[in-house]
Amino acid sequence: MTSPRLSALVVAHNEEDQLRDCLQALRFADELVVVLDKCTDGSKAIAESIADRIVEGSWDVEGHRQHAGYEACSGRLDTAYRCR
């Protein structure tokens, strides 16, 4: 029997200063999904070098942003993470 996959979801907006450390801390997950919301800094390049899947867009409502990330996850998701 195969173990369930664990997905880690990170929602980011211009987080280049801490995104790398945040994603590295979540490497225990089977899949890293990053939602980039209106990013104008280097967050995309960092996410591309580490994440398994990236969702880019512009959302005015937090719930819509997270829902887009949930849909991109292929594994079980217990918590969504925000870089701080």
PDB file of N, CA and C in Angstrom:
ATOM      1  N   MET A   1       0.836  -1.178   0.000  1.00  0.00           N
ATOM      2  CA  MET A   1       0.000   0.000   0.000  1.00  0.00           C
ATOM      3  C   MET A   1       0.882   1.243   0.000  1.00  0.00           C
ATOM      4  N   THR A   2       0.516   2.213  -0.808  1.00  0.00           N
ATOM      5  CA  THR A   2       1.286   3.439  -0.928  1.00  0.00           C
ATOM      6  C   THR A   2       0.857   4.445   0.137  1.00  0.00           C
ATOM      7  N   SER A   3       1.823   5.110   0.731  1.00  0.00           N
ATOM      8  CA  SER A   3       1.529   6.150   1.716  1.00  0.00           C
ATOM      9  C   SER A   3       0.919   7.356   1.012  1.00  0.00           C
ATOM     10  N   PRO A   4       0.035   8.079   1.684  1.00  0.00           N
ATOM     11  CA  PRO A   4      -0.525   9.282   1.073  1.00  0.00           C
ATOM     12  C   PRO A   4       0.556  10.339   0.887  1.00  0.00           C
ATOM     13  N   ARG A   5       0.431  11.109  -0.178  1.00  0.00           N
ATOM     14  CA  ARG A   5       1.362  12.215  -0.419  1.00  0.00           C
ATOM     15  C   ARG A   5       0.975  13.403   0.443  1.00  0.00           C
ATOM     16  N   LEU A   6       1.980  14.104   0.932  1.00  0.00           N
ATOM     17  CA  LEU A   6       1.755  15.302   1.725  1.00  0.00           C
ATOM     18  C   LEU A   6       2.177  16.509   0.897  1.00  0.00           C
ATOM     19  N   SER A   7       1.264  17.438   0.693  1.00  0.00           N
ATOM     20  CA  SER A   7       1.552  18.675  -0.020  1.00  0.00           C
ATOM     21  C   SER A   7       1.686  19.818   0.973  1.00  0.00           C
ATOM     22  N   ALA A   8       2.659  20.682   0.743  1.00  0.00           N
ATOM     23  CA  ALA A   8       2.806  21.910   1.528  1.00  0.00           C
ATOM     24  C   ALA A   8       2.481  23.075   0.597  1.00  0.00           C
ATOM     25  N   LEU A   9       1.597  23.944   1.041  1.00  0.00           N
ATOM     26  CA  LEU A   9       1.160  25.093   0.245  1.00  0.00           C
ATOM     27  C   LEU A   9       1.658  26.375   0.893  1.00  0.00           C
ATOM     28  N   VAL A  10       2.347  27.191   0.107  1.00  0.00           N
ATOM     29  CA  VAL A  10       2.848  28.479   0.582  1.00  0.00           C
ATOM     30  C   VAL A  10       2.243  29.575  -0.281  1.00  0.00           C
ATOM     31  N   VAL A  11       1.633  30.562   0.366  1.00  0.00           N
ATOM     32  CA  VAL A  11       1.080  31.726  -0.320  1.00  0.00           C
ATOM     33  C   VAL A  11       2.043  32.883  -0.086  1.00  0.00           C
ATOM     34  N   ALA A  12       2.467  33.534  -1.170  1.00  0.00           N
ATOM     35  CA  ALA A  12       3.484  34.583  -1.036  1.00  0.00           C
ATOM     36  C   ALA A  12       3.145  35.813  -1.864  1.00  0.00           C
ATOM     37  N   HIS A  13       3.494  36.960  -1.318  1.00  0.00           N
ATOM     38  CA  HIS A  13       3.416  38.235  -2.034  1.00  0.00           C
ATOM     39  C   HIS A  13       4.700  39.001  -1.755  1.00  0.00           C
ATOM     40  N   ASN A  14       5.570  39.073  -2.753  1.00  0.00           N
ATOM     41  CA  ASN A  14       6.849  39.792  -2.632  1.00  0.00           C
ATOM     42  C   ASN A  14       7.625  39.363  -1.391  1.00  0.00           C
ATOM     43  N   GLU A  15       7.931  38.075  -1.326  1.00  0.00           N
ATOM     44  CA  GLU A  15       8.606  37.498  -0.154  1.00  0.00           C
ATOM     45  C   GLU A  15      10.024  37.015  -0.460  1.00  0.00           C
ATOM     46  N   GLU A  16      10.714  37.630  -1.430  1.00  0.00           N
ATOM     47  CA  GLU A  16      12.015  37.118  -1.828  1.00  0.00           C
ATOM     48  C   GLU A  16      13.025  37.040  -0.683  1.00  0.00           C
ATOM     49  N   ASP A  17      12.891  37.894   0.323  1.00  0.00           N
ATOM     50  CA  ASP A  17      13.844  37.892   1.436  1.00  0.00           C
ATOM     51  C   ASP A  17      13.735  36.645   2.305  1.00  0.00           C
ATOM     52  N   GLN A  18      12.568  36.021   2.359  1.00  0.00           N
ATOM     53  CA  GLN A  18      12.407  34.863   3.242  1.00  0.00           C
ATOM     54  C   GLN A  18      11.837  33.626   2.562  1.00  0.00           C
ATOM     55  N   LEU A  19      11.488  33.720   1.288  1.00  0.00           N
ATOM     56  CA  LEU A  19      10.842  32.589   0.623  1.00  0.00           C
ATOM     57  C   LEU A  19      11.745  31.363   0.548  1.00  0.00           C
ATOM     58  N   ARG A  20      13.012  31.547   0.236  1.00  0.00           N
ATOM     59  CA  ARG A  20      13.929  30.402   0.137  1.00  0.00           C
ATOM     60  C   ARG A  20      13.989  29.627   1.458  1.00  0.00           C
ATOM     61  N   ASP A  21      14.168  30.321   2.560  1.00  0.00           N
ATOM     62  CA  ASP A  21      14.228  29.662   3.869  1.00  0.00           C
ATOM     63  C   ASP A  21      12.906  28.973   4.207  1.00  0.00           C
ATOM     64  N   CYS A  22      11.818  29.633   3.878  1.00  0.00           N
ATOM     65  CA  CYS A  22      10.494  29.064   4.141  1.00  0.00           C
ATOM     66  C   CYS A  22      10.316  27.754   3.369  1.00  0.00           C
ATOM     67  N   LEU A  23      10.647  27.755   2.092  1.00  0.00           N
ATOM     68  CA  LEU A  23      10.485  26.549   1.277  1.00  0.00           C
ATOM     69  C   LEU A  23      11.457  25.450   1.700  1.00  0.00           C
ATOM     70  N   GLN A  24      12.673  25.816   2.036  1.00  0.00           N
ATOM     71  CA  GLN A  24      13.646  24.814   2.495  1.00  0.00           C
ATOM     72  C   GLN A  24      13.157  24.122   3.768  1.00  0.00           C
ATOM     73  N   ALA A  25      12.502  24.869   4.645  1.00  0.00           N
ATOM     74  CA  ALA A  25      11.988  24.300   5.897  1.00  0.00           C
ATOM     75  C   ALA A  25      10.847  23.310   5.644  1.00  0.00           C
ATOM     76  N   LEU A  26      10.234  23.387   4.478  1.00  0.00           N
ATOM     77  CA  LEU A  26       9.099  22.505   4.154  1.00  0.00           C
ATOM     78  C   LEU A  26       9.488  21.353   3.234  1.00  0.00           C
ATOM     79  N   ARG A  27      10.767  21.108   3.046  1.00  0.00           N
ATOM     80  CA  ARG A  27      11.225  20.045   2.137  1.00  0.00           C
ATOM     81  C   ARG A  27      10.801  18.649   2.604  1.00  0.00           C
ATOM     82  N   PHE A  28      10.333  18.513   3.825  1.00  0.00           N
ATOM     83  CA  PHE A  28       9.860  17.211   4.301  1.00  0.00           C
ATOM     84  C   PHE A  28       8.607  16.767   3.540  1.00  0.00           C
ATOM     85  N   ALA A  29       7.893  17.724   2.954  1.00  0.00           N
ATOM     86  CA  ALA A  29       6.661  17.397   2.222  1.00  0.00           C
ATOM     87  C   ALA A  29       7.011  16.717   0.899  1.00  0.00           C
ATOM     88  N   ASP A  30       6.094  15.930   0.405  1.00  0.00           N
ATOM     89  CA  ASP A  30       6.289  15.261  -0.883  1.00  0.00           C
ATOM     90  C   ASP A  30       6.160  16.233  -2.045  1.00  0.00           C
ATOM     91  N   GLU A  31       5.440  17.310  -1.824  1.00  0.00           N
ATOM     92  CA  GLU A  31       5.189  18.286  -2.887  1.00  0.00           C
ATOM     93  C   GLU A  31       5.123  19.681  -2.278  1.00  0.00           C
ATOM     94  N   LEU A  32       5.808  20.634  -2.923  1.00  0.00           N
ATOM     95  CA  LEU A  32       5.752  22.034  -2.514  1.00  0.00           C
ATOM     96  C   LEU A  32       5.002  22.820  -3.585  1.00  0.00           C
ATOM     97  N   VAL A  33       3.920  23.468  -3.187  1.00  0.00           N
ATOM     98  CA  VAL A  33       3.119  24.296  -4.085  1.00  0.00           C
ATOM     99  C   VAL A  33       3.199  25.732  -3.586  1.00  0.00           C
ATOM    100  N   VAL A  34       3.519  26.650  -4.487  1.00  0.00           N
ATOM    101  CA  VAL A  34       3.627  28.061  -4.119  1.00  0.00           C
ATOM    102  C   VAL A  34       2.621  28.869  -4.927  1.00  0.00           C
ATOM    103  N   VAL A  35       1.828  29.679  -4.238  1.00  0.00           N
ATOM    104  CA  VAL A  35       0.937  30.624  -4.882  1.00  0.00           C
ATOM    105  C   VAL A  35       1.608  31.983  -4.805  1.00  0.00           C
ATOM    106  N   LEU A  36       1.883  32.564  -5.960  1.00  0.00           N
ATOM    107  CA  LEU A  36       2.491  33.889  -6.040  1.00  0.00           C
ATOM    108  C   LEU A  36       1.400  34.889  -6.384  1.00  0.00           C
ATOM    109  N   ASP A  37       1.118  35.782  -5.448  1.00  0.00           N
ATOM    110  CA  ASP A  37       0.041  36.751  -5.621  1.00  0.00           C
ATOM    111  C   ASP A  37       0.615  38.133  -5.896  1.00  0.00           C
ATOM    112  N   LYS A  38       0.490  38.584  -7.125  1.00  0.00           N
ATOM    113  CA  LYS A  38       0.919  39.935  -7.525  1.00  0.00           C
ATOM    114  C   LYS A  38       2.382  40.211  -7.191  1.00  0.00           C
ATOM    115  N   CYS A  39       3.248  39.222  -7.328  1.00  0.00           N
ATOM    116  CA  CYS A  39       4.660  39.407  -6.978  1.00  0.00           C
ATOM    117  C   CYS A  39       5.384  40.230  -8.047  1.00  0.00           C
ATOM    118  N   THR A  40       6.152  41.197  -7.582  1.00  0.00           N
ATOM    119  CA  THR A  40       6.950  42.038  -8.480  1.00  0.00           C
ATOM    120  C   THR A  40       8.435  41.969  -8.132  1.00  0.00           C
ATOM    121  N   ASP A  41       8.798  41.120  -7.192  1.00  0.00           N
ATOM    122  CA  ASP A  41      10.192  40.979  -6.784  1.00  0.00           C
ATOM    123  C   ASP A  41      10.754  39.671  -7.327  1.00  0.00           C
ATOM    124  N   GLY A  42      11.738  39.107  -6.699  1.00  0.00           N
ATOM    125  CA  GLY A  42      12.368  37.878  -7.157  1.00  0.00           C
ATOM    126  C   GLY A  42      11.741  36.600  -6.627  1.00  0.00           C
ATOM    127  N   SER A  43      10.552  36.688  -6.078  1.00  0.00           N
ATOM    128  CA  SER A  43       9.899  35.502  -5.512  1.00  0.00           C
ATOM    129  C   SER A  43       9.704  34.386  -6.544  1.00  0.00           C
ATOM    130  N   LYS A  44       9.348  34.747  -7.770  1.00  0.00           N
ATOM    131  CA  LYS A  44       9.090  33.733  -8.797  1.00  0.00           C
ATOM    132  C   LYS A  44      10.346  32.908  -9.080  1.00  0.00           C
ATOM    133  N   ALA A  45      11.481  33.547  -9.224  1.00  0.00           N
ATOM    134  CA  ALA A  45      12.727  32.821  -9.511  1.00  0.00           C
ATOM    135  C   ALA A  45      13.072  31.860  -8.379  1.00  0.00           C
ATOM    136  N   ILE A  46      12.869  32.286  -7.158  1.00  0.00           N
ATOM    137  CA  ILE A  46      13.140  31.424  -6.004  1.00  0.00           C
ATOM    138  C   ILE A  46      12.184  30.235  -6.004  1.00  0.00           C
ATOM    139  N   ALA A  47      10.901  30.504  -6.202  1.00  0.00           N
ATOM    140  CA  ALA A  47       9.911  29.426  -6.232  1.00  0.00           C
ATOM    141  C   ALA A  47      10.209  28.439  -7.355  1.00  0.00           C
ATOM    142  N   GLU A  48      10.590  28.934  -8.518  1.00  0.00           N
ATOM    143  CA  GLU A  48      10.901  28.054  -9.645  1.00  0.00           C
ATOM    144  C   GLU A  48      12.079  27.126  -9.349  1.00  0.00           C
ATOM    145  N   SER A  49      13.002  27.573  -8.513  1.00  0.00           N
ATOM    146  CA  SER A  49      14.183  26.758  -8.221  1.00  0.00           C
ATOM    147  C   SER A  49      13.926  25.691  -7.158  1.00  0.00           C
ATOM    148  N   ILE A  50      12.817  25.802  -6.414  1.00  0.00           N
ATOM    149  CA  ILE A  50      12.576  24.876  -5.302  1.00  0.00           C
ATOM    150  C   ILE A  50      11.224  24.177  -5.395  1.00  0.00           C
ATOM    151  N   ALA A  51      10.174  24.902  -5.711  1.00  0.00           N
ATOM    152  CA  ALA A  51       8.812  24.364  -5.661  1.00  0.00           C
ATOM    153  C   ALA A  51       8.545  23.356  -6.782  1.00  0.00           C
ATOM    154  N   ASP A  52       7.618  22.466  -6.512  1.00  0.00           N
ATOM    155  CA  ASP A  52       7.190  21.500  -7.518  1.00  0.00           C
ATOM    156  C   ASP A  52       6.134  22.086  -8.442  1.00  0.00           C
ATOM    157  N   ARG A  53       5.362  23.008  -7.916  1.00  0.00           N
ATOM    158  CA  ARG A  53       4.274  23.601  -8.686  1.00  0.00           C
ATOM    159  C   ARG A  53       4.095  25.049  -8.247  1.00  0.00           C
ATOM    160  N   ILE A  54       3.835  25.922  -9.225  1.00  0.00           N
ATOM    161  CA  ILE A  54       3.647  27.350  -8.955  1.00  0.00           C
ATOM    162  C   ILE A  54       2.333  27.795  -9.588  1.00  0.00           C
ATOM    163  N   VAL A  55       1.582  28.572  -8.832  1.00  0.00           N
ATOM    164  CA  VAL A  55       0.351  29.177  -9.327  1.00  0.00           C
ATOM    165  C   VAL A  55       0.542  30.688  -9.211  1.00  0.00           C
ATOM    166  N   GLU A  56       0.385  31.403 -10.311  1.00  0.00           N
ATOM    167  CA  GLU A  56       0.524  32.854 -10.289  1.00  0.00           C
ATOM    168  C   GLU A  56      -0.814  33.509 -10.581  1.00  0.00           C
ATOM    169  N   GLY A  57      -1.050  34.640  -9.940  1.00  0.00           N
ATOM    170  CA  GLY A  57      -2.289  35.347 -10.208  1.00  0.00           C
ATOM    171  C   GLY A  57      -2.403  36.606  -9.389  1.00  0.00           C
ATOM    172  N   SER A  58      -3.603  37.155  -9.427  1.00  0.00           N
ATOM    173  CA  SER A  58      -3.920  38.372  -8.700  1.00  0.00           C
ATOM    174  C   SER A  58      -5.290  38.177  -8.074  1.00  0.00           C
ATOM    175  N   TRP A  59      -5.305  38.051  -6.766  1.00  0.00           N
ATOM    176  CA  TRP A  59      -6.549  37.805  -6.039  1.00  0.00           C
ATOM    177  C   TRP A  59      -6.760  38.912  -5.020  1.00  0.00           C
ATOM    178  N   ASP A  60      -7.986  39.367  -4.894  1.00  0.00           N
ATOM    179  CA  ASP A  60      -8.317  40.393  -3.906  1.00  0.00           C
ATOM    180  C   ASP A  60      -8.785  39.788  -2.590  1.00  0.00           C
ATOM    181  N   VAL A  61      -9.158  38.512  -2.625  1.00  0.00           N
ATOM    182  CA  VAL A  61      -9.700  37.851  -1.439  1.00  0.00           C
ATOM    183  C   VAL A  61      -8.785  36.689  -1.054  1.00  0.00           C
ATOM    184  N   GLU A  62      -8.396  36.640   0.209  1.00  0.00           N
ATOM    185  CA  GLU A  62      -7.501  35.586   0.701  1.00  0.00           C
ATOM    186  C   GLU A  62      -8.030  34.192   0.395  1.00  0.00           C
ATOM    187  N   GLY A  63      -9.312  33.982   0.584  1.00  0.00           N
ATOM    188  CA  GLY A  63      -9.890  32.661   0.354  1.00  0.00           C
ATOM    189  C   GLY A  63      -9.740  32.200  -1.081  1.00  0.00           C
ATOM    190  N   HIS A  64      -9.880  33.089  -2.044  1.00  0.00           N
ATOM    191  CA  HIS A  64      -9.731  32.724  -3.458  1.00  0.00           C
ATOM    192  C   HIS A  64      -8.287  32.332  -3.762  1.00  0.00           C
ATOM    193  N   ARG A  65      -7.362  33.059  -3.186  1.00  0.00           N
ATOM    194  CA  ARG A  65      -5.930  32.787  -3.358  1.00  0.00           C
ATOM    195  C   ARG A  65      -5.598  31.398  -2.808  1.00  0.00           C
ATOM    196  N   GLN A  66      -6.051  31.111  -1.601  1.00  0.00           N
ATOM    197  CA  GLN A  66      -5.775  29.797  -1.000  1.00  0.00           C
ATOM    198  C   GLN A  66      -6.477  28.680  -1.774  1.00  0.00           C
ATOM    199  N   HIS A  67      -7.681  28.929  -2.229  1.00  0.00           N
ATOM    200  CA  HIS A  67      -8.409  27.898  -2.978  1.00  0.00           C
ATOM    201  C   HIS A  67      -7.664  27.531  -4.263  1.00  0.00           C
ATOM    202  N   ALA A  68      -7.085  28.520  -4.934  1.00  0.00           N
ATOM    203  CA  ALA A  68      -6.298  28.242  -6.134  1.00  0.00           C
ATOM    204  C   ALA A  68      -5.112  27.331  -5.783  1.00  0.00           C
ATOM    205  N   GLY A  69      -4.513  27.559  -4.626  1.00  0.00           N
ATOM    206  CA  GLY A  69      -3.412  26.705  -4.183  1.00  0.00           C
ATOM    207  C   GLY A  69      -3.872  25.308  -3.825  1.00  0.00           C
ATOM    208  N   TYR A  70      -5.005  25.213  -3.140  1.00  0.00           N
ATOM    209  CA  TYR A  70      -5.530  23.895  -2.777  1.00  0.00           C
ATOM    210  C   TYR A  70      -5.781  23.055  -4.017  1.00  0.00           C
ATOM    211  N   GLU A  71      -6.332  23.676  -5.050  1.00  0.00           N
ATOM    212  CA  GLU A  71      -6.622  22.945  -6.286  1.00  0.00           C
ATOM    213  C   GLU A  71      -5.353  22.456  -6.979  1.00  0.00           C
ATOM    214  N   ALA A  72      -4.241  23.144  -6.764  1.00  0.00           N
ATOM    215  CA  ALA A  72      -2.981  22.760  -7.396  1.00  0.00           C
ATOM    216  C   ALA A  72      -2.272  21.626  -6.654  1.00  0.00           C
ATOM    217  N   CYS A  73      -2.664  21.353  -5.423  1.00  0.00           N
ATOM    218  CA  CYS A  73      -2.023  20.304  -4.626  1.00  0.00           C
ATOM    219  C   CYS A  73      -2.529  18.924  -5.047  1.00  0.00           C
ATOM    220  N   SER A  74      -1.596  18.002  -5.196  1.00  0.00           N
ATOM    221  CA  SER A  74      -1.988  16.638  -5.566  1.00  0.00           C
ATOM    222  C   SER A  74      -2.054  15.708  -4.359  1.00  0.00           C
ATOM    223  N   GLY A  75      -1.521  16.151  -3.235  1.00  0.00           N
ATOM    224  CA  GLY A  75      -1.503  15.315  -2.038  1.00  0.00           C
ATOM    225  C   GLY A  75      -2.434  15.837  -0.961  1.00  0.00           C
ATOM    226  N   ARG A  76      -2.356  15.193   0.196  1.00  0.00           N
ATOM    227  CA  ARG A  76      -3.126  15.626   1.355  1.00  0.00           C
ATOM    228  C   ARG A  76      -2.514  16.925   1.877  1.00  0.00           C
ATOM    229  N   LEU A  77      -3.358  17.853   2.255  1.00  0.00           N
ATOM    230  CA  LEU A  77      -2.895  19.148   2.736  1.00  0.00           C
ATOM    231  C   LEU A  77      -3.508  19.407   4.096  1.00  0.00           C
ATOM    232  N   ASP A  78      -2.655  19.542   5.120  1.00  0.00           N
ATOM    233  CA  ASP A  78      -3.157  19.794   6.467  1.00  0.00           C
ATOM    234  C   ASP A  78      -3.180  21.288   6.801  1.00  0.00           C
ATOM    235  N   THR A  79      -2.215  22.028   6.282  1.00  0.00           N
ATOM    236  CA  THR A  79      -2.079  23.434   6.631  1.00  0.00           C
ATOM    237  C   THR A  79      -1.502  24.198   5.456  1.00  0.00           C
ATOM    238  N   ALA A  80      -1.950  25.417   5.280  1.00  0.00           N
ATOM    239  CA  ALA A  80      -1.331  26.324   4.309  1.00  0.00           C
ATOM    240  C   ALA A  80      -0.375  27.235   5.079  1.00  0.00           C
ATOM    241  N   TYR A  81       0.787  27.490   4.532  1.00  0.00           N
ATOM    242  CA  TYR A  81       1.815  28.280   5.207  1.00  0.00           C
ATOM    243  C   TYR A  81       1.951  29.639   4.552  1.00  0.00           C
ATOM    244  N   ARG A  82       2.219  30.635   5.379  1.00  0.00           N
ATOM    245  CA  ARG A  82       2.520  31.972   4.880  1.00  0.00           C
ATOM    246  C   ARG A  82       3.933  32.305   5.309  1.00  0.00           C
ATOM    247  N   CYS A  83       4.697  32.865   4.390  1.00  0.00           N
ATOM    248  CA  CYS A  83       6.047  33.318   4.742  1.00  0.00           C
ATOM    249  C   CYS A  83       5.935  34.566   5.589  1.00  0.00           C
ATOM    250  N   ARG A  84       6.659  34.588   6.670  1.00  0.00           N
ATOM    251  CA  ARG A  84       6.699  35.768   7.551  1.00  0.00           C
ATOM    252  C   ARG A  84       8.097  35.964   8.037  1.00  0.00           C
TER     253      ARG A  84
END
